[in-house]
Amino acid sequence: MQTIRLFLAIEFNQIIKQDIASLIENYQRDYYKLPIKWSKTENLHLTLKFLGETPLDKIEEIDKIVSITAEKNNKFELKFTQTGVFPSSNSPKVLWVGIMKNNYLVNLADQLNLNFAKLIGHKENKKFIPHLTLGRVKQKLNPSQINLLKKDFLKINNFNIPTQKVRDIVLYKSNLKPSGPVYTELARYKLNS
């Protein structure tokens, strides 16, 4: 059975993408010795639900679930907060900038998760942590590299990035390539006003 790799996300506007790209450029200079693959500007997004390898015959069901969920949720604003890492500060694999939790965002992510669990048995048990991935660590860091991130990167909590009004959910296809993932928009679902 043929599958495609899918995820649902919030797309950032060009102003925010450029502001984040500037941040990434600064981090690249500050941490140029660290083995980090930085995110491309065009790939910046907030993942709401990762669906992974999905059979093509499930696309219609996915479309229905997301349409219904979008209709039941209102537009809202996103605000950026502090930096962080996954899974922990002693073993960083992903560097990110956080997005302030708000009821609209959390409810939207929870509803998508619940609706996918009900209709196609795809539920994530991970806690939803709204974030934008800045870069991925490509090899294990030594203690001095980890200390550098703890001392500098993990103390950043003040950004001059504007808030963004979220008006829709985007269904993306992800193609993994040696140069990095390529995301293609498949559908867009308008939130309620």
C-alpha atoms as a PDB file:
ATOM      1  CA  MET A   1       0.000   0.000   0.000  1.00  0.00           C
ATOM      2  CA  GLN A   2       1.357   3.404  -0.983  1.00  0.00           C
ATOM      3  CA  THR A   3       1.933   5.905   1.839  1.00  0.00           C
ATOM      4  CA  ILE A   4       2.922   9.536   2.226  1.00  0.00           C
ATOM      5  CA  ARG A   5       4.494  11.244   5.229  1.00  0.00           C
ATOM      6  CA  LEU A   6       2.084  13.842   6.634  1.00  0.00           C
ATOM      7  CA  PHE A   7       1.785  16.392   9.411  1.00  0.00           C
ATOM      8  CA  LEU A   8      -0.561  19.209  10.417  1.00  0.00           C
ATOM      9  CA  ALA A   9       0.929  22.568  11.279  1.00  0.00           C
ATOM     10  CA  ILE A  10       0.549  26.283  11.679  1.00  0.00           C
ATOM     11  CA  GLU A  11       2.453  28.186   9.029  1.00  0.00           C
ATOM     12  CA  PHE A  12       4.319  31.334  10.059  1.00  0.00           C
ATOM     13  CA  ASN A  13       4.039  34.548   8.069  1.00  0.00           C
ATOM     14  CA  GLN A  14       7.055  35.978   6.215  1.00  0.00           C
ATOM     15  CA  ILE A  15       7.846  38.584   8.887  1.00  0.00           C
ATOM     16  CA  ILE A  16       8.154  35.920  11.565  1.00  0.00           C
ATOM     17  CA  LYS A  17      10.107  33.614   9.255  1.00  0.00           C
ATOM     18  CA  GLN A  18      12.599  36.416   8.565  1.00  0.00           C
ATOM     19  CA  ASP A  19      12.909  37.261  12.289  1.00  0.00           C
ATOM     20  CA  ILE A  20      13.533  33.590  13.118  1.00  0.00           C
ATOM     21  CA  ALA A  21      15.994  33.309  10.206  1.00  0.00           C
ATOM     22  CA  SER A  22      17.927  36.243  11.723  1.00  0.00           C
ATOM     23  CA  LEU A  23      17.954  34.475  15.094  1.00  0.00           C
ATOM     24  CA  ILE A  24      19.251  31.293  13.459  1.00  0.00           C
ATOM     25  CA  GLU A  25      22.014  33.276  11.701  1.00  0.00           C
ATOM     26  CA  ASN A  26      23.094  34.681  15.077  1.00  0.00           C
ATOM     27  CA  TYR A  27      23.094  31.213  16.646  1.00  0.00           C
ATOM     28  CA  GLN A  28      25.079  29.836  13.714  1.00  0.00           C
ATOM     29  CA  ARG A  29      27.776  32.440  14.431  1.00  0.00           C
ATOM     30  CA  ASP A  30      27.681  31.846  18.200  1.00  0.00           C
ATOM     31  CA  TYR A  31      27.663  28.051  17.949  1.00  0.00           C
ATOM     32  CA  TYR A  32      29.524  27.527  14.687  1.00  0.00           C
ATOM     33  CA  LYS A  33      31.722  24.835  16.274  1.00  0.00           C
ATOM     34  CA  LEU A  34      28.742  22.748  17.350  1.00  0.00           C
ATOM     35  CA  PRO A  35      27.433  19.926  15.098  1.00  0.00           C
ATOM     36  CA  ILE A  36      23.987  21.455  14.534  1.00  0.00           C
ATOM     37  CA  LYS A  37      21.894  21.307  11.365  1.00  0.00           C
ATOM     38  CA  TRP A  38      19.884  24.522  11.403  1.00  0.00           C
ATOM     39  CA  SER A  39      16.315  24.760  10.091  1.00  0.00           C
ATOM     40  CA  LYS A  40      15.719  26.315   6.681  1.00  0.00           C
ATOM     41  CA  THR A  41      13.592  29.467   6.669  1.00  0.00           C
ATOM     42  CA  GLU A  42      11.014  27.965   4.307  1.00  0.00           C
ATOM     43  CA  ASN A  43      10.494  24.995   6.657  1.00  0.00           C
ATOM     44  CA  LEU A  44       9.661  26.954   9.820  1.00  0.00           C
ATOM     45  CA  HIS A  45       6.294  25.936  11.280  1.00  0.00           C
ATOM     46  CA  LEU A  46       4.525  24.826  14.466  1.00  0.00           C
ATOM     47  CA  THR A  47       3.552  21.148  14.316  1.00  0.00           C
ATOM     48  CA  LEU A  48       0.086  20.457  15.704  1.00  0.00           C
ATOM     49  CA  LYS A  49      -0.087  16.754  14.836  1.00  0.00           C
ATOM     50  CA  PHE A  50       2.458  14.464  13.205  1.00  0.00           C
ATOM     51  CA  LEU A  51       0.720  11.716  11.233  1.00  0.00           C
ATOM     52  CA  GLY A  52       3.818  10.049   9.799  1.00  0.00           C
ATOM     53  CA  GLU A  53       3.625   7.514   6.979  1.00  0.00           C
ATOM     54  CA  THR A  54      -0.062   7.513   6.059  1.00  0.00           C
ATOM     55  CA  PRO A  55      -1.869   5.257   3.568  1.00  0.00           C
ATOM     56  CA  LEU A  56      -3.212   7.236   0.605  1.00  0.00           C
ATOM     57  CA  ASP A  57      -6.692   5.822   1.178  1.00  0.00           C
ATOM     58  CA  LYS A  58      -6.841   7.689   4.538  1.00  0.00           C
ATOM     59  CA  ILE A  59      -6.539  11.163   2.962  1.00  0.00           C
ATOM     60  CA  GLU A  60     -10.300  11.631   2.668  1.00  0.00           C
ATOM     61  CA  GLU A  61     -10.788  10.765   6.357  1.00  0.00           C
ATOM     62  CA  ILE A  62      -7.970  13.120   7.342  1.00  0.00           C
ATOM     63  CA  ASP A  63      -9.559  15.907   5.311  1.00  0.00           C
ATOM     64  CA  LYS A  64     -12.884  15.347   7.087  1.00  0.00           C
ATOM     65  CA  ILE A  65     -11.328  15.288  10.580  1.00  0.00           C
ATOM     66  CA  VAL A  66      -9.329  18.487  10.035  1.00  0.00           C
ATOM     67  CA  SER A  67     -12.245  20.313   8.392  1.00  0.00           C
ATOM     68  CA  ILE A  68     -14.558  19.534  11.320  1.00  0.00           C
ATOM     69  CA  THR A  69     -11.896  20.447  13.879  1.00  0.00           C
ATOM     70  CA  ALA A  70     -11.061  23.752  12.155  1.00  0.00           C
ATOM     71  CA  GLU A  71     -14.748  24.749  12.014  1.00  0.00           C
ATOM     72  CA  LYS A  72     -15.044  24.255  15.783  1.00  0.00           C
ATOM     73  CA  ASN A  73     -12.004  26.384  16.676  1.00  0.00           C
ATOM     74  CA  ASN A  74     -11.553  30.155  16.583  1.00  0.00           C
ATOM     75  CA  LYS A  75      -8.647  32.195  15.265  1.00  0.00           C
ATOM     76  CA  PHE A  76      -6.066  33.116  17.905  1.00  0.00           C
ATOM     77  CA  GLU A  77      -2.642  34.723  18.388  1.00  0.00           C
ATOM     78  CA  LEU A  78       0.755  33.113  18.943  1.00  0.00           C
ATOM     79  CA  LYS A  79       3.488  34.679  21.050  1.00  0.00           C
ATOM     80  CA  PHE A  80       7.080  33.451  21.288  1.00  0.00           C
ATOM     81  CA  THR A  81       8.679  32.802  24.690  1.00  0.00           C
ATOM     82  CA  GLN A  82      11.964  31.221  25.776  1.00  0.00           C
ATOM     83  CA  THR A  83      14.448  28.854  24.137  1.00  0.00           C
ATOM     84  CA  GLY A  84      14.708  25.187  25.054  1.00  0.00           C
ATOM     85  CA  VAL A  85      16.017  21.771  24.042  1.00  0.00           C
ATOM     86  CA  PHE A  86      14.678  18.220  23.715  1.00  0.00           C
ATOM     87  CA  PRO A  87      14.969  15.760  25.356  1.00  0.00           C
ATOM     88  CA  SER A  88      16.998  17.388  28.164  1.00  0.00           C
ATOM     89  CA  SER A  89      19.667  20.031  28.800  1.00  0.00           C
ATOM     90  CA  ASN A  90      22.220  17.264  29.492  1.00  0.00           C
ATOM     91  CA  SER A  91      21.492  15.492  26.217  1.00  0.00           C
ATOM     92  CA  PRO A  92      20.254  18.088  23.706  1.00  0.00           C
ATOM     93  CA  LYS A  93      19.077  16.762  20.342  1.00  0.00           C
ATOM     94  CA  VAL A  94      16.695  19.546  19.233  1.00  0.00           C
ATOM     95  CA  LEU A  95      17.069  23.299  19.841  1.00  0.00           C
ATOM     96  CA  TRP A  96      13.839  25.281  19.798  1.00  0.00           C
ATOM     97  CA  VAL A  97      12.083  28.520  20.626  1.00  0.00           C
ATOM     98  CA  GLY A  98       8.900  28.081  22.636  1.00  0.00           C
ATOM     99  CA  ILE A  99       5.458  29.361  21.861  1.00  0.00           C
ATOM    100  CA  MET A 100       3.361  30.555  24.762  1.00  0.00           C
ATOM    101  CA  LYS A 101       0.583  28.121  25.565  1.00  0.00           C
ATOM    102  CA  ASN A 102      -2.898  29.521  25.343  1.00  0.00           C
ATOM    103  CA  ASN A 103      -6.267  27.807  25.622  1.00  0.00           C
ATOM    104  CA  TYR A 104      -7.035  28.152  21.904  1.00  0.00           C
ATOM    105  CA  LEU A 105      -3.773  26.538  20.826  1.00  0.00           C
ATOM    106  CA  VAL A 106      -3.875  23.732  23.409  1.00  0.00           C
ATOM    107  CA  ASN A 107      -7.551  22.982  22.668  1.00  0.00           C
ATOM    108  CA  LEU A 108      -6.862  22.845  18.932  1.00  0.00           C
ATOM    109  CA  ALA A 109      -3.964  20.385  19.371  1.00  0.00           C
ATOM    110  CA  ASP A 110      -5.941  18.289  21.884  1.00  0.00           C
ATOM    111  CA  GLN A 111      -9.003  18.137  19.628  1.00  0.00           C
ATOM    112  CA  LEU A 112      -6.939  17.054  16.626  1.00  0.00           C
ATOM    113  CA  ASN A 113      -5.298  14.350  18.710  1.00  0.00           C
ATOM    114  CA  LEU A 114      -8.629  13.142  20.100  1.00  0.00           C
ATOM    115  CA  ASN A 115     -10.427  13.239  16.735  1.00  0.00           C
ATOM    116  CA  PHE A 116      -7.665  11.255  15.040  1.00  0.00           C
ATOM    117  CA  ALA A 117      -7.717   8.731  17.897  1.00  0.00           C
ATOM    118  CA  LYS A 118     -11.487   8.250  17.524  1.00  0.00           C
ATOM    119  CA  LEU A 119     -11.654   7.953  13.759  1.00  0.00           C
ATOM    120  CA  ILE A 120      -8.439   6.308  12.650  1.00  0.00           C
ATOM    121  CA  GLY A 121      -6.828   5.087  15.866  1.00  0.00           C
ATOM    122  CA  HIS A 122      -3.872   7.477  15.728  1.00  0.00           C
ATOM    123  CA  LYS A 123      -3.331   9.041  19.159  1.00  0.00           C
ATOM    124  CA  GLU A 124      -0.136  10.499  20.558  1.00  0.00           C
ATOM    125  CA  ASN A 125       0.414  10.174  24.267  1.00  0.00           C
ATOM    126  CA  LYS A 126       3.194  12.777  24.330  1.00  0.00           C
ATOM    127  CA  LYS A 127       2.450  16.056  26.031  1.00  0.00           C
ATOM    128  CA  PHE A 128       1.985  18.878  23.518  1.00  0.00           C
ATOM    129  CA  ILE A 129       4.844  21.384  23.851  1.00  0.00           C
ATOM    130  CA  PRO A 130       4.320  24.201  21.337  1.00  0.00           C
ATOM    131  CA  HIS A 131       7.675  25.055  19.770  1.00  0.00           C
ATOM    132  CA  LEU A 132       9.470  25.995  16.598  1.00  0.00           C
ATOM    133  CA  THR A 133      12.515  23.827  15.832  1.00  0.00           C
ATOM    134  CA  LEU A 134      15.620  25.945  15.224  1.00  0.00           C
ATOM    135  CA  GLY A 135      18.112  23.130  14.726  1.00  0.00           C
ATOM    136  CA  ARG A 136      18.975  19.479  15.337  1.00  0.00           C
ATOM    137  CA  VAL A 137      22.166  18.236  16.975  1.00  0.00           C
ATOM    138  CA  LYS A 138      23.870  15.810  14.583  1.00  0.00           C
ATOM    139  CA  GLN A 139      26.249  14.074  17.011  1.00  0.00           C
ATOM    140  CA  LYS A 140      26.654  13.751  20.742  1.00  0.00           C
ATOM    141  CA  LEU A 141      27.948  16.933  22.374  1.00  0.00           C
ATOM    142  CA  ASN A 142      30.864  16.905  24.795  1.00  0.00           C
ATOM    143  CA  PRO A 143      30.477  18.420  28.310  1.00  0.00           C
ATOM    144  CA  SER A 144      31.976  21.804  27.345  1.00  0.00           C
ATOM    145  CA  GLN A 145      29.603  22.107  24.361  1.00  0.00           C
ATOM    146  CA  ILE A 146      26.642  21.224  26.597  1.00  0.00           C
ATOM    147  CA  ASN A 147      27.776  23.822  29.149  1.00  0.00           C
ATOM    148  CA  LEU A 148      27.971  26.460  26.405  1.00  0.00           C
ATOM    149  CA  LEU A 149      24.336  25.801  25.474  1.00  0.00           C
ATOM    150  CA  LYS A 150      23.268  25.829  29.138  1.00  0.00           C
ATOM    151  CA  LYS A 151      25.147  29.060  29.825  1.00  0.00           C
ATOM    152  CA  ASP A 152      23.978  30.976  26.759  1.00  0.00           C
ATOM    153  CA  PHE A 153      21.255  29.421  24.633  1.00  0.00           C
ATOM    154  CA  LEU A 154      18.989  28.168  27.421  1.00  0.00           C
ATOM    155  CA  LYS A 155      18.945  31.575  29.147  1.00  0.00           C
ATOM    156  CA  ILE A 156      17.309  33.429  26.239  1.00  0.00           C
ATOM    157  CA  ASN A 157      13.765  34.506  27.052  1.00  0.00           C
ATOM    158  CA  ASN A 158      13.270  37.857  25.394  1.00  0.00           C
ATOM    159  CA  PHE A 159      12.439  38.058  21.694  1.00  0.00           C
ATOM    160  CA  ASN A 160      11.440  40.968  19.496  1.00  0.00           C
ATOM    161  CA  ILE A 161       9.345  38.681  17.345  1.00  0.00           C
ATOM    162  CA  PRO A 162       5.802  39.961  16.727  1.00  0.00           C
ATOM    163  CA  THR A 163       2.744  37.904  17.614  1.00  0.00           C
ATOM    164  CA  GLN A 164       0.968  36.145  14.781  1.00  0.00           C
ATOM    165  CA  LYS A 165      -2.742  35.729  14.170  1.00  0.00           C
ATOM    166  CA  VAL A 166      -3.456  32.064  13.403  1.00  0.00           C
ATOM    167  CA  ARG A 167      -6.186  31.772  10.784  1.00  0.00           C
ATOM    168  CA  ASP A 168      -5.776  28.226   9.490  1.00  0.00           C
ATOM    169  CA  ILE A 169      -4.302  24.746   9.807  1.00  0.00           C
ATOM    170  CA  VAL A 170      -2.116  23.398   7.001  1.00  0.00           C
ATOM    171  CA  LEU A 171      -1.760  19.757   5.952  1.00  0.00           C
ATOM    172  CA  TYR A 172       1.791  19.156   4.708  1.00  0.00           C
ATOM    173  CA  LYS A 173       3.468  16.311   2.891  1.00  0.00           C
ATOM    174  CA  SER A 174       7.091  15.780   3.963  1.00  0.00           C
ATOM    175  CA  ASN A 175       9.722  14.325   1.628  1.00  0.00           C
ATOM    176  CA  LEU A 176      12.926  13.373   3.417  1.00  0.00           C
ATOM    177  CA  LYS A 177      15.989  14.102   1.293  1.00  0.00           C
ATOM    178  CA  PRO A 178      19.741  14.050   2.046  1.00  0.00           C
ATOM    179  CA  SER A 179      19.759  17.865   1.926  1.00  0.00           C
ATOM    180  CA  GLY A 180      16.895  18.006   4.446  1.00  0.00           C
ATOM    181  CA  PRO A 181      13.108  17.670   4.405  1.00  0.00           C
ATOM    182  CA  VAL A 182      10.994  19.313   1.723  1.00  0.00           C
ATOM    183  CA  TYR A 183       7.464  20.293   2.777  1.00  0.00           C
ATOM    184  CA  THR A 184       4.594  20.610   0.322  1.00  0.00           C
ATOM    185  CA  GLU A 185       1.249  22.105   1.268  1.00  0.00           C
ATOM    186  CA  LEU A 186      -1.617  19.741   0.416  1.00  0.00           C
ATOM    187  CA  ALA A 187      -4.578  21.530   2.009  1.00  0.00           C
ATOM    188  CA  ARG A 188      -5.475  24.532   4.138  1.00  0.00           C
ATOM    189  CA  TYR A 189      -8.330  24.622   6.663  1.00  0.00           C
ATOM    190  CA  LYS A 190      -9.766  27.961   7.833  1.00  0.00           C
ATOM    191  CA  LEU A 191     -10.445  28.452  11.535  1.00  0.00           C
ATOM    192  CA  ASN A 192     -13.648  30.120  12.696  1.00  0.00           C
ATOM    193  CA  SER A 193     -13.627  33.917  13.092  1.00  0.00           C
END
